[in-house]
Amino acid sequence: MRRVSVVGNSGSGKSRLAARLAAQLGVPHVELDALNWGPTWTTVPVEVFKERVGRAVEGDRWVIDGNYVGRGARELVWQRADTVVWLDLPRAVVLRRIAGRTVARALLRRTLWNGNRERWCNLTTLDPEQSVIAWSWTHHATYRERYGGAVEDPAWAHCRFVRLRSAREVDAFLAGGWGPPVEPSPWPRVYARFRTDVGPGYAPAWP
């Protein structure tokens, strides 16, 4: 693994996993959130965002976390990536994490990217465009379909996909086994299964 893309729903643990993996590999860690958000929660123009992403992927080794498919990040990142780590934890687990993270950030007034702080509207509205919690809940199936389909897409055949579906699998991945790759399903629209020839000590949760 030299160039790794970490993807998944908001609150699934992308940044934490990416930071730990980058430290293990001794490579730069890039958060796409940091490239996307300007002050006061304004998004930078898409051309600026893509130019920033393009510079980030020029290096020979890196770990980049984030999605931003609608802003062209996937094509830029995955064209250079050799591994895609897909965090696909249960919706209830993701909801608990995103809610806890949001409350902690809001109460402690933690500074995020470019001086931004967590907005209280994340806790007071059900509008997915205004609340990351609502976004995570309503888009869970979207991410699963998107990345399940990407495994089947020949455009990304050069990428090794690793699908992690529990905290135990994440821990096993970071312990050094680095997980079994996902194989394209022999049946259309069926999510790829894990191979059985996994490393010692790795216990995948079978679908």
N, C-alpha and C. Protein backbone atom coordinates (compact mmCIF):
# COMPACT_ATOMS: atom_id res chain seq x y z
N MET A 1 0.85 -1.19 0.00
CA MET A 1 0.00 0.00 0.00
C MET A 1 0.88 1.24 0.00
N ARG A 2 0.70 2.05 -1.04
CA ARG A 2 1.45 3.29 -1.13
C ARG A 2 0.54 4.51 -1.18
N ARG A 3 -0.59 4.36 -1.85
CA ARG A 3 -1.53 5.48 -1.99
C ARG A 3 -2.93 4.94 -1.67
N VAL A 4 -3.47 5.40 -0.54
CA VAL A 4 -4.68 4.82 0.02
C VAL A 4 -5.79 5.87 0.11
N SER A 5 -6.96 5.51 -0.38
CA SER A 5 -8.16 6.34 -0.24
C SER A 5 -9.06 5.69 0.80
N VAL A 6 -9.46 6.47 1.80
CA VAL A 6 -10.36 5.98 2.85
C VAL A 6 -11.72 6.66 2.67
N VAL A 7 -12.77 5.87 2.45
CA VAL A 7 -14.09 6.41 2.15
C VAL A 7 -15.13 5.79 3.06
N GLY A 8 -16.33 6.39 3.05
CA GLY A 8 -17.44 5.88 3.84
C GLY A 8 -18.33 7.00 4.32
N ASN A 9 -19.36 6.64 5.03
CA ASN A 9 -20.35 7.60 5.51
C ASN A 9 -19.74 8.56 6.51
N SER A 10 -20.36 9.72 6.68
CA SER A 10 -19.94 10.67 7.71
C SER A 10 -20.12 10.04 9.08
N GLY A 11 -19.08 10.06 9.90
CA GLY A 11 -19.13 9.46 11.22
C GLY A 11 -18.67 8.02 11.28
N SER A 12 -18.25 7.46 10.16
CA SER A 12 -17.81 6.06 10.15
C SER A 12 -16.39 5.89 10.67
N GLY A 13 -15.66 6.99 10.83
CA GLY A 13 -14.30 6.89 11.37
C GLY A 13 -13.21 7.02 10.34
N LYS A 14 -13.50 7.68 9.22
CA LYS A 14 -12.52 7.79 8.13
C LYS A 14 -11.23 8.49 8.57
N SER A 15 -11.40 9.66 9.17
CA SER A 15 -10.22 10.46 9.49
C SER A 15 -9.36 9.79 10.56
N ARG A 16 -10.00 9.18 11.53
CA ARG A 16 -9.23 8.50 12.58
C ARG A 16 -8.45 7.33 12.00
N LEU A 17 -9.13 6.50 11.21
CA LEU A 17 -8.43 5.38 10.60
C LEU A 17 -7.31 5.86 9.68
N ALA A 18 -7.59 6.89 8.87
CA ALA A 18 -6.60 7.39 7.93
C ALA A 18 -5.38 7.94 8.65
N ALA A 19 -5.60 8.67 9.75
CA ALA A 19 -4.48 9.23 10.50
C ALA A 19 -3.61 8.13 11.09
N ARG A 20 -4.24 7.10 11.64
CA ARG A 20 -3.47 5.99 12.24
C ARG A 20 -2.74 5.20 11.16
N LEU A 21 -3.39 4.97 10.04
CA LEU A 21 -2.74 4.23 8.97
C LEU A 21 -1.56 5.03 8.40
N ALA A 22 -1.75 6.33 8.20
CA ALA A 22 -0.67 7.16 7.68
C ALA A 22 0.53 7.16 8.62
N ALA A 23 0.26 7.18 9.92
CA ALA A 23 1.35 7.14 10.89
C ALA A 23 2.09 5.81 10.82
N GLN A 24 1.35 4.72 10.66
CA GLN A 24 1.99 3.41 10.55
C GLN A 24 2.86 3.32 9.30
N LEU A 25 2.36 3.86 8.20
CA LEU A 25 3.07 3.78 6.92
C LEU A 25 4.14 4.85 6.78
N GLY A 26 4.08 5.86 7.64
CA GLY A 26 5.04 6.96 7.54
C GLY A 26 4.82 7.82 6.31
N VAL A 27 3.54 8.10 6.00
CA VAL A 27 3.20 8.87 4.80
C VAL A 27 2.31 10.04 5.19
N PRO A 28 2.15 11.05 4.32
CA PRO A 28 1.27 12.17 4.63
C PRO A 28 -0.19 11.73 4.71
N HIS A 29 -0.93 12.39 5.61
CA HIS A 29 -2.37 12.19 5.73
C HIS A 29 -3.07 13.46 5.28
N VAL A 30 -4.00 13.34 4.35
CA VAL A 30 -4.74 14.49 3.82
C VAL A 30 -6.22 14.27 4.06
N GLU A 31 -6.88 15.28 4.67
CA GLU A 31 -8.33 15.25 4.82
C GLU A 31 -8.94 16.10 3.72
N LEU A 32 -9.82 15.53 2.93
CA LEU A 32 -10.48 16.30 1.89
C LEU A 32 -11.33 17.43 2.48
N ASP A 33 -11.83 17.25 3.71
CA ASP A 33 -12.57 18.32 4.36
C ASP A 33 -11.72 19.59 4.46
N ALA A 34 -10.44 19.43 4.76
CA ALA A 34 -9.57 20.58 4.91
C ALA A 34 -9.36 21.31 3.59
N LEU A 35 -9.48 20.58 2.48
CA LEU A 35 -9.31 21.19 1.17
C LEU A 35 -10.61 21.81 0.66
N ASN A 36 -11.72 21.36 1.20
CA ASN A 36 -13.03 21.79 0.71
C ASN A 36 -13.58 23.02 1.43
N TRP A 37 -13.33 23.10 2.75
CA TRP A 37 -13.99 24.14 3.54
C TRP A 37 -13.12 25.36 3.71
N GLY A 38 -13.73 26.53 3.44
CA GLY A 38 -13.11 27.80 3.74
C GLY A 38 -13.66 28.32 5.06
N PRO A 39 -13.30 29.54 5.43
CA PRO A 39 -13.82 30.12 6.68
C PRO A 39 -15.34 30.23 6.67
N THR A 40 -15.92 30.21 7.87
CA THR A 40 -17.37 30.33 8.09
C THR A 40 -18.17 29.30 7.28
N TRP A 41 -17.62 28.10 7.15
CA TRP A 41 -18.29 26.99 6.51
C TRP A 41 -18.71 27.28 5.07
N THR A 42 -17.90 28.03 4.37
CA THR A 42 -18.12 28.23 2.94
C THR A 42 -17.24 27.25 2.18
N THR A 43 -17.78 26.67 1.13
CA THR A 43 -16.98 25.76 0.31
C THR A 43 -16.17 26.57 -0.70
N VAL A 44 -14.96 26.14 -0.94
CA VAL A 44 -14.15 26.82 -1.94
C VAL A 44 -14.71 26.49 -3.32
N PRO A 45 -14.46 27.32 -4.33
CA PRO A 45 -14.92 26.99 -5.68
C PRO A 45 -14.42 25.61 -6.11
N VAL A 46 -15.22 24.90 -6.88
CA VAL A 46 -14.88 23.53 -7.25
C VAL A 46 -13.55 23.47 -7.98
N GLU A 47 -13.23 24.49 -8.78
CA GLU A 47 -11.95 24.49 -9.49
C GLU A 47 -10.79 24.55 -8.51
N VAL A 48 -10.96 25.36 -7.46
CA VAL A 48 -9.92 25.47 -6.43
C VAL A 48 -9.78 24.14 -5.69
N PHE A 49 -10.93 23.55 -5.34
CA PHE A 49 -10.91 22.27 -4.64
C PHE A 49 -10.19 21.20 -5.46
N LYS A 50 -10.54 21.08 -6.73
CA LYS A 50 -9.92 20.05 -7.57
C LYS A 50 -8.44 20.32 -7.77
N GLU A 51 -8.05 21.57 -7.83
CA GLU A 51 -6.63 21.89 -7.96
C GLU A 51 -5.87 21.48 -6.70
N ARG A 52 -6.49 21.69 -5.55
CA ARG A 52 -5.87 21.28 -4.28
C ARG A 52 -5.75 19.76 -4.21
N VAL A 53 -6.81 19.07 -4.59
CA VAL A 53 -6.77 17.60 -4.58
C VAL A 53 -5.71 17.10 -5.55
N GLY A 54 -5.65 17.70 -6.72
CA GLY A 54 -4.65 17.31 -7.70
C GLY A 54 -3.24 17.43 -7.17
N ARG A 55 -2.97 18.50 -6.42
CA ARG A 55 -1.64 18.65 -5.83
C ARG A 55 -1.39 17.59 -4.76
N ALA A 56 -2.44 17.27 -3.99
CA ALA A 56 -2.30 16.31 -2.90
C ALA A 56 -1.95 14.92 -3.41
N VAL A 57 -2.48 14.54 -4.58
CA VAL A 57 -2.27 13.17 -5.08
C VAL A 57 -1.00 13.05 -5.92
N GLU A 58 -0.28 14.14 -6.11
CA GLU A 58 0.94 14.07 -6.91
C GLU A 58 2.03 13.24 -6.24
N GLY A 59 2.01 13.20 -4.92
CA GLY A 59 3.04 12.48 -4.20
C GLY A 59 3.00 10.99 -4.48
N ASP A 60 4.10 10.32 -4.18
CA ASP A 60 4.18 8.88 -4.44
C ASP A 60 3.52 8.06 -3.34
N ARG A 61 3.39 8.65 -2.15
CA ARG A 61 2.80 7.91 -1.04
C ARG A 61 1.92 8.85 -0.23
N TRP A 62 0.72 8.39 0.12
CA TRP A 62 -0.19 9.19 0.93
C TRP A 62 -1.38 8.35 1.37
N VAL A 63 -2.11 8.90 2.35
CA VAL A 63 -3.42 8.38 2.74
C VAL A 63 -4.37 9.58 2.72
N ILE A 64 -5.43 9.48 1.95
CA ILE A 64 -6.40 10.56 1.81
C ILE A 64 -7.77 10.06 2.24
N ASP A 65 -8.43 10.82 3.12
CA ASP A 65 -9.77 10.40 3.53
C ASP A 65 -10.82 11.41 3.10
N GLY A 66 -11.99 10.89 2.73
CA GLY A 66 -13.10 11.73 2.32
C GLY A 66 -13.74 11.22 1.05
N ASN A 67 -14.93 11.73 0.76
CA ASN A 67 -15.71 11.30 -0.40
C ASN A 67 -15.71 12.37 -1.50
N TYR A 68 -16.59 13.35 -1.39
CA TYR A 68 -16.68 14.47 -2.32
C TYR A 68 -16.76 14.02 -3.78
N VAL A 69 -17.57 13.00 -4.01
CA VAL A 69 -17.74 12.50 -5.37
C VAL A 69 -18.33 13.58 -6.27
N GLY A 70 -19.29 14.33 -5.74
CA GLY A 70 -19.93 15.36 -6.53
C GLY A 70 -19.03 16.52 -6.91
N ARG A 71 -17.88 16.62 -6.26
CA ARG A 71 -16.93 17.69 -6.57
C ARG A 71 -15.71 17.16 -7.33
N GLY A 72 -15.80 15.93 -7.80
CA GLY A 72 -14.75 15.39 -8.66
C GLY A 72 -13.56 14.78 -7.95
N ALA A 73 -13.67 14.59 -6.63
CA ALA A 73 -12.50 14.09 -5.90
C ALA A 73 -12.21 12.62 -6.19
N ARG A 74 -13.27 11.83 -6.33
CA ARG A 74 -13.02 10.39 -6.49
C ARG A 74 -12.17 10.11 -7.71
N GLU A 75 -12.48 10.71 -8.84
CA GLU A 75 -11.70 10.45 -10.05
C GLU A 75 -10.23 10.83 -9.85
N LEU A 76 -10.00 11.99 -9.24
CA LEU A 76 -8.64 12.45 -9.04
C LEU A 76 -7.87 11.56 -8.08
N VAL A 77 -8.52 11.16 -6.99
CA VAL A 77 -7.84 10.36 -5.98
C VAL A 77 -7.69 8.91 -6.44
N TRP A 78 -8.75 8.32 -6.95
CA TRP A 78 -8.71 6.89 -7.29
C TRP A 78 -7.86 6.60 -8.53
N GLN A 79 -7.71 7.56 -9.41
CA GLN A 79 -6.82 7.33 -10.55
C GLN A 79 -5.40 7.08 -10.10
N ARG A 80 -5.03 7.63 -8.94
CA ARG A 80 -3.68 7.46 -8.41
C ARG A 80 -3.61 6.42 -7.31
N ALA A 81 -4.74 6.11 -6.68
CA ALA A 81 -4.73 5.20 -5.53
C ALA A 81 -4.43 3.77 -5.96
N ASP A 82 -3.81 3.02 -5.07
CA ASP A 82 -3.67 1.58 -5.28
C ASP A 82 -4.57 0.78 -4.34
N THR A 83 -5.09 1.45 -3.29
CA THR A 83 -5.94 0.78 -2.31
C THR A 83 -7.08 1.71 -1.92
N VAL A 84 -8.29 1.16 -1.83
CA VAL A 84 -9.45 1.88 -1.33
C VAL A 84 -9.96 1.15 -0.10
N VAL A 85 -9.94 1.84 1.03
CA VAL A 85 -10.48 1.27 2.27
C VAL A 85 -11.87 1.86 2.48
N TRP A 86 -12.86 0.99 2.47
CA TRP A 86 -14.27 1.39 2.55
C TRP A 86 -14.79 1.03 3.93
N LEU A 87 -15.11 2.05 4.73
CA LEU A 87 -15.71 1.84 6.04
C LEU A 87 -17.22 1.72 5.88
N ASP A 88 -17.74 0.54 6.15
CA ASP A 88 -19.16 0.25 5.95
C ASP A 88 -19.74 -0.31 7.24
N LEU A 89 -19.66 0.47 8.30
CA LEU A 89 -20.17 0.06 9.59
C LEU A 89 -21.70 0.16 9.62
N PRO A 90 -22.36 -0.55 10.54
CA PRO A 90 -23.82 -0.48 10.64
C PRO A 90 -24.31 0.94 10.89
N ARG A 91 -25.49 1.24 10.38
CA ARG A 91 -26.03 2.59 10.50
C ARG A 91 -26.14 3.03 11.95
N ALA A 92 -26.57 2.15 12.84
CA ALA A 92 -26.73 2.52 14.25
C ALA A 92 -25.39 2.90 14.87
N VAL A 93 -24.34 2.19 14.51
CA VAL A 93 -23.00 2.50 15.03
C VAL A 93 -22.55 3.87 14.52
N VAL A 94 -22.76 4.10 13.24
CA VAL A 94 -22.36 5.38 12.64
C VAL A 94 -23.14 6.53 13.27
N LEU A 95 -24.44 6.34 13.48
CA LEU A 95 -25.26 7.39 14.08
C LEU A 95 -24.78 7.72 15.49
N ARG A 96 -24.50 6.70 16.27
CA ARG A 96 -24.01 6.94 17.63
C ARG A 96 -22.69 7.71 17.61
N ARG A 97 -21.82 7.36 16.69
CA ARG A 97 -20.53 8.05 16.61
C ARG A 97 -20.67 9.49 16.15
N ILE A 98 -21.46 9.71 15.11
CA ILE A 98 -21.57 11.07 14.57
C ILE A 98 -22.28 11.98 15.57
N ALA A 99 -23.27 11.45 16.29
CA ALA A 99 -23.97 12.26 17.28
C ALA A 99 -23.03 12.62 18.43
N GLY A 100 -22.30 11.64 18.93
CA GLY A 100 -21.37 11.90 20.02
C GLY A 100 -20.27 12.86 19.63
N ARG A 101 -19.74 12.68 18.43
CA ARG A 101 -18.68 13.56 17.94
C ARG A 101 -19.18 15.00 17.80
N THR A 102 -20.38 15.15 17.25
CA THR A 102 -20.93 16.48 17.03
C THR A 102 -21.18 17.20 18.35
N VAL A 103 -21.76 16.52 19.31
CA VAL A 103 -22.01 17.12 20.62
C VAL A 103 -20.70 17.54 21.28
N ALA A 104 -19.70 16.66 21.25
CA ALA A 104 -18.41 16.98 21.88
C ALA A 104 -17.76 18.18 21.22
N ARG A 105 -17.77 18.21 19.91
CA ARG A 105 -17.16 19.34 19.21
C ARG A 105 -17.89 20.65 19.52
N ALA A 106 -19.21 20.59 19.57
CA ALA A 106 -19.99 21.80 19.82
C ALA A 106 -19.78 22.31 21.24
N LEU A 107 -19.79 21.41 22.20
CA LEU A 107 -19.63 21.82 23.59
C LEU A 107 -18.23 22.34 23.89
N LEU A 108 -17.24 21.68 23.33
CA LEU A 108 -15.85 22.05 23.60
C LEU A 108 -15.33 23.14 22.66
N ARG A 109 -16.15 23.51 21.68
CA ARG A 109 -15.80 24.56 20.72
C ARG A 109 -14.47 24.26 20.04
N ARG A 110 -14.33 23.03 19.61
CA ARG A 110 -13.09 22.62 18.95
C ARG A 110 -12.97 23.31 17.59
N THR A 111 -11.77 23.76 17.30
CA THR A 111 -11.50 24.37 16.01
C THR A 111 -11.27 23.29 14.98
N LEU A 112 -12.02 23.37 13.88
CA LEU A 112 -11.89 22.39 12.81
C LEU A 112 -11.10 23.01 11.67
N TRP A 113 -11.47 22.74 10.44
CA TRP A 113 -10.70 23.19 9.29
C TRP A 113 -10.89 24.69 9.06
N ASN A 114 -9.78 25.36 8.87
CA ASN A 114 -9.79 26.79 8.53
C ASN A 114 -10.58 27.64 9.52
N GLY A 115 -10.46 27.29 10.80
CA GLY A 115 -11.06 28.09 11.86
C GLY A 115 -12.53 27.82 12.11
N ASN A 116 -13.13 26.88 11.41
CA ASN A 116 -14.55 26.58 11.62
C ASN A 116 -14.76 25.83 12.93
N ARG A 117 -15.96 25.99 13.47
CA ARG A 117 -16.38 25.24 14.66
C ARG A 117 -17.72 24.58 14.38
N GLU A 118 -17.98 23.52 15.11
CA GLU A 118 -19.22 22.77 14.90
C GLU A 118 -20.42 23.68 15.07
N ARG A 119 -21.37 23.60 14.16
CA ARG A 119 -22.56 24.42 14.22
C ARG A 119 -23.66 23.74 15.02
N TRP A 120 -24.36 24.52 15.84
CA TRP A 120 -25.42 23.95 16.66
C TRP A 120 -26.58 23.43 15.81
N CYS A 121 -26.70 23.94 14.58
CA CYS A 121 -27.80 23.47 13.73
C CYS A 121 -27.67 21.99 13.41
N ASN A 122 -26.46 21.43 13.56
CA ASN A 122 -26.30 20.00 13.36
C ASN A 122 -27.15 19.20 14.34
N LEU A 123 -27.49 19.84 15.47
CA LEU A 123 -28.24 19.16 16.52
C LEU A 123 -29.71 19.58 16.57
N THR A 124 -30.08 20.59 15.80
CA THR A 124 -31.43 21.16 15.93
C THR A 124 -32.28 21.06 14.69
N THR A 125 -31.77 20.49 13.62
CA THR A 125 -32.55 20.39 12.40
C THR A 125 -32.45 18.98 11.83
N LEU A 126 -33.48 18.59 11.10
CA LEU A 126 -33.48 17.30 10.41
C LEU A 126 -33.14 17.45 8.93
N ASP A 127 -32.76 18.65 8.52
CA ASP A 127 -32.40 18.91 7.14
C ASP A 127 -31.01 18.36 6.85
N PRO A 128 -30.87 17.37 5.99
CA PRO A 128 -29.55 16.80 5.71
C PRO A 128 -28.55 17.81 5.16
N GLU A 129 -29.04 18.87 4.53
CA GLU A 129 -28.13 19.88 4.00
C GLU A 129 -27.60 20.80 5.09
N GLN A 130 -28.21 20.76 6.27
CA GLN A 130 -27.80 21.62 7.37
C GLN A 130 -27.26 20.85 8.57
N SER A 131 -27.47 19.56 8.60
CA SER A 131 -27.05 18.75 9.74
C SER A 131 -26.27 17.54 9.27
N VAL A 132 -25.05 17.39 9.75
CA VAL A 132 -24.24 16.24 9.37
C VAL A 132 -24.82 14.96 9.95
N ILE A 133 -25.54 15.07 11.07
CA ILE A 133 -26.17 13.88 11.66
C ILE A 133 -27.30 13.39 10.75
N ALA A 134 -28.14 14.30 10.31
CA ALA A 134 -29.22 13.93 9.40
C ALA A 134 -28.65 13.43 8.07
N TRP A 135 -27.59 14.05 7.60
CA TRP A 135 -26.95 13.60 6.36
C TRP A 135 -26.48 12.16 6.49
N SER A 136 -25.81 11.87 7.59
CA SER A 136 -25.28 10.52 7.80
C SER A 136 -26.40 9.49 7.83
N TRP A 137 -27.49 9.81 8.52
CA TRP A 137 -28.61 8.87 8.64
C TRP A 137 -29.27 8.62 7.28
N THR A 138 -29.52 9.69 6.53
CA THR A 138 -30.29 9.56 5.29
C THR A 138 -29.45 9.07 4.11
N HIS A 139 -28.12 9.17 4.20
CA HIS A 139 -27.27 8.79 3.08
C HIS A 139 -26.54 7.46 3.28
N HIS A 140 -26.87 6.76 4.35
CA HIS A 140 -26.15 5.51 4.63
C HIS A 140 -26.27 4.53 3.47
N ALA A 141 -27.49 4.32 3.00
CA ALA A 141 -27.71 3.38 1.89
C ALA A 141 -27.06 3.88 0.61
N THR A 142 -27.00 5.19 0.43
CA THR A 142 -26.38 5.76 -0.77
C THR A 142 -24.91 5.40 -0.84
N TYR A 143 -24.21 5.55 0.28
CA TYR A 143 -22.79 5.20 0.30
C TYR A 143 -22.58 3.71 0.06
N ARG A 144 -23.44 2.91 0.65
CA ARG A 144 -23.30 1.45 0.47
C ARG A 144 -23.48 1.07 -1.00
N GLU A 145 -24.49 1.67 -1.64
CA GLU A 145 -24.70 1.37 -3.05
C GLU A 145 -23.55 1.91 -3.90
N ARG A 146 -23.10 3.11 -3.60
CA ARG A 146 -22.04 3.74 -4.39
C ARG A 146 -20.77 2.91 -4.37
N TYR A 147 -20.33 2.52 -3.19
CA TYR A 147 -19.05 1.83 -3.12
C TYR A 147 -19.17 0.35 -3.41
N GLY A 148 -20.37 -0.22 -3.18
CA GLY A 148 -20.58 -1.58 -3.64
C GLY A 148 -20.51 -1.66 -5.15
N GLY A 149 -21.07 -0.64 -5.82
CA GLY A 149 -21.00 -0.59 -7.28
C GLY A 149 -19.60 -0.33 -7.78
N ALA A 150 -18.82 0.46 -7.04
CA ALA A 150 -17.47 0.79 -7.49
C ALA A 150 -16.58 -0.45 -7.54
N VAL A 151 -16.84 -1.40 -6.66
CA VAL A 151 -16.07 -2.64 -6.69
C VAL A 151 -16.22 -3.35 -8.02
N GLU A 152 -17.42 -3.23 -8.61
CA GLU A 152 -17.72 -3.89 -9.87
C GLU A 152 -17.24 -3.11 -11.10
N ASP A 153 -16.89 -1.85 -10.90
CA ASP A 153 -16.59 -0.96 -12.01
C ASP A 153 -15.18 -1.22 -12.55
N PRO A 154 -15.06 -1.61 -13.83
CA PRO A 154 -13.72 -1.88 -14.38
C PRO A 154 -12.81 -0.67 -14.39
N ALA A 155 -13.39 0.53 -14.27
CA ALA A 155 -12.55 1.73 -14.23
C ALA A 155 -11.62 1.73 -13.03
N TRP A 156 -12.02 0.99 -11.96
CA TRP A 156 -11.22 0.96 -10.75
C TRP A 156 -10.60 -0.41 -10.51
N ALA A 157 -10.41 -1.16 -11.57
CA ALA A 157 -9.84 -2.50 -11.44
C ALA A 157 -8.42 -2.47 -10.89
N HIS A 158 -7.74 -1.35 -11.02
CA HIS A 158 -6.36 -1.26 -10.53
C HIS A 158 -6.30 -1.06 -9.02
N CYS A 159 -7.46 -0.77 -8.40
CA CYS A 159 -7.50 -0.52 -6.96
C CYS A 159 -7.83 -1.80 -6.20
N ARG A 160 -7.19 -1.98 -5.09
CA ARG A 160 -7.51 -3.07 -4.17
C ARG A 160 -8.52 -2.53 -3.17
N PHE A 161 -9.72 -3.10 -3.15
CA PHE A 161 -10.76 -2.64 -2.24
C PHE A 161 -10.75 -3.47 -0.96
N VAL A 162 -10.82 -2.79 0.16
CA VAL A 162 -10.92 -3.46 1.46
C VAL A 162 -12.15 -2.89 2.16
N ARG A 163 -13.12 -3.73 2.43
CA ARG A 163 -14.38 -3.31 3.06
C ARG A 163 -14.37 -3.71 4.53
N LEU A 164 -14.48 -2.73 5.42
CA LEU A 164 -14.44 -2.98 6.86
C LEU A 164 -15.81 -2.68 7.45
N ARG A 165 -16.40 -3.69 8.12
CA ARG A 165 -17.79 -3.57 8.54
C ARG A 165 -17.99 -3.60 10.05
N SER A 166 -16.93 -3.51 10.81
CA SER A 166 -17.07 -3.48 12.26
C SER A 166 -15.80 -2.88 12.86
N ALA A 167 -15.91 -2.47 14.13
CA ALA A 167 -14.73 -1.94 14.82
C ALA A 167 -13.66 -3.01 14.94
N ARG A 168 -14.07 -4.26 15.09
CA ARG A 168 -13.10 -5.34 15.19
C ARG A 168 -12.32 -5.50 13.89
N GLU A 169 -13.00 -5.37 12.77
CA GLU A 169 -12.30 -5.46 11.49
C GLU A 169 -11.35 -4.28 11.29
N VAL A 170 -11.77 -3.10 11.75
CA VAL A 170 -10.88 -1.93 11.65
C VAL A 170 -9.62 -2.17 12.47
N ASP A 171 -9.78 -2.66 13.70
CA ASP A 171 -8.63 -2.93 14.56
C ASP A 171 -7.71 -3.98 13.94
N ALA A 172 -8.31 -5.03 13.35
CA ALA A 172 -7.51 -6.07 12.72
C ALA A 172 -6.75 -5.52 11.52
N PHE A 173 -7.40 -4.66 10.76
CA PHE A 173 -6.76 -4.03 9.61
C PHE A 173 -5.55 -3.21 10.05
N LEU A 174 -5.73 -2.42 11.10
CA LEU A 174 -4.64 -1.58 11.58
C LEU A 174 -3.56 -2.37 12.30
N ALA A 175 -3.91 -3.58 12.74
CA ALA A 175 -2.92 -4.41 13.42
C ALA A 175 -1.86 -4.94 12.46
N GLY A 176 -2.08 -4.76 11.16
CA GLY A 176 -1.04 -5.14 10.21
C GLY A 176 -1.46 -6.13 9.17
N GLY A 177 -2.63 -6.81 9.37
CA GLY A 177 -3.08 -7.72 8.34
C GLY A 177 -3.54 -6.99 7.10
N TRP A 178 -4.03 -5.73 7.31
CA TRP A 178 -4.47 -4.85 6.24
C TRP A 178 -5.59 -5.44 5.40
N GLY A 179 -6.25 -6.44 5.98
CA GLY A 179 -7.54 -6.86 5.46
C GLY A 179 -7.52 -7.63 4.16
N PRO A 180 -8.59 -8.39 3.93
CA PRO A 180 -8.75 -9.11 2.67
C PRO A 180 -9.34 -8.19 1.61
N PRO A 181 -8.89 -8.30 0.38
CA PRO A 181 -9.50 -7.48 -0.67
C PRO A 181 -10.92 -7.94 -0.97
N VAL A 182 -11.73 -7.03 -1.46
CA VAL A 182 -13.07 -7.37 -1.90
C VAL A 182 -13.00 -7.81 -3.35
N GLU A 183 -13.60 -8.95 -3.64
CA GLU A 183 -13.63 -9.44 -5.01
C GLU A 183 -14.94 -9.03 -5.69
N PRO A 184 -14.91 -8.66 -6.95
CA PRO A 184 -16.17 -8.40 -7.67
C PRO A 184 -17.09 -9.60 -7.60
N SER A 185 -18.38 -9.34 -7.39
CA SER A 185 -19.35 -10.41 -7.27
C SER A 185 -19.58 -11.09 -8.62
N PRO A 186 -19.80 -12.40 -8.62
CA PRO A 186 -20.11 -13.08 -9.87
C PRO A 186 -21.53 -12.80 -10.35
N TRP A 187 -22.34 -12.13 -9.50
CA TRP A 187 -23.71 -11.82 -9.88
C TRP A 187 -23.89 -10.31 -9.90
N PRO A 188 -24.56 -9.78 -10.90
CA PRO A 188 -24.75 -8.33 -10.98
C PRO A 188 -25.48 -7.78 -9.76
N ARG A 189 -25.03 -6.59 -9.33
CA ARG A 189 -25.66 -5.82 -8.27
C ARG A 189 -25.64 -6.53 -6.92
N VAL A 190 -24.83 -7.54 -6.75
CA VAL A 190 -24.68 -8.18 -5.45
C VAL A 190 -23.37 -7.69 -4.87
N TYR A 191 -23.37 -7.26 -3.65
CA TYR A 191 -22.16 -6.70 -3.07
C TYR A 191 -21.09 -7.78 -2.96
N ALA A 192 -19.85 -7.34 -3.17
CA ALA A 192 -18.74 -8.27 -3.17
C ALA A 192 -18.54 -8.89 -1.80
N ARG A 193 -18.09 -10.12 -1.81
CA ARG A 193 -17.86 -10.83 -0.56
C ARG A 193 -16.38 -10.76 -0.20
N PHE A 194 -16.08 -11.12 1.03
CA PHE A 194 -14.70 -11.23 1.44
C PHE A 194 -14.13 -12.57 0.98
N ARG A 195 -12.84 -12.60 0.64
CA ARG A 195 -12.19 -13.87 0.36
C ARG A 195 -11.98 -14.63 1.66
N THR A 196 -11.87 -15.94 1.56
CA THR A 196 -11.65 -16.74 2.76
C THR A 196 -10.18 -16.87 3.10
N ASP A 197 -9.30 -16.54 2.17
CA ASP A 197 -7.87 -16.70 2.42
C ASP A 197 -7.31 -15.44 3.07
N VAL A 198 -7.86 -15.12 4.26
CA VAL A 198 -7.42 -13.93 4.97
C VAL A 198 -6.21 -14.26 5.82
N GLY A 199 -5.58 -13.20 6.30
CA GLY A 199 -4.40 -13.39 7.12
C GLY A 199 -4.74 -13.96 8.48
N PRO A 200 -3.75 -14.42 9.22
CA PRO A 200 -3.99 -15.00 10.55
C PRO A 200 -4.56 -13.98 11.50
N GLY A 201 -5.56 -14.41 12.27
CA GLY A 201 -6.15 -13.57 13.28
C GLY A 201 -7.24 -12.64 12.78
N TYR A 202 -7.49 -12.64 11.47
CA TYR A 202 -8.49 -11.73 10.92
C TYR A 202 -9.84 -12.43 10.87
N ALA A 203 -10.86 -11.79 11.43
CA ALA A 203 -12.18 -12.43 11.52
C ALA A 203 -13.22 -11.54 10.87
N PRO A 204 -13.41 -11.65 9.56
CA PRO A 204 -14.39 -10.80 8.90
C PRO A 204 -15.82 -11.15 9.29
N ALA A 205 -16.68 -10.16 9.24
CA ALA A 205 -18.11 -10.40 9.46
C ALA A 205 -18.73 -10.71 8.11
N TRP A 206 -19.17 -11.92 7.93
CA TRP A 206 -19.69 -12.33 6.64
C TRP A 206 -21.05 -11.73 6.39
N PRO A 207 -21.31 -11.37 5.14
CA PRO A 207 -22.61 -10.76 4.82
C PRO A 207 -23.75 -11.77 4.96
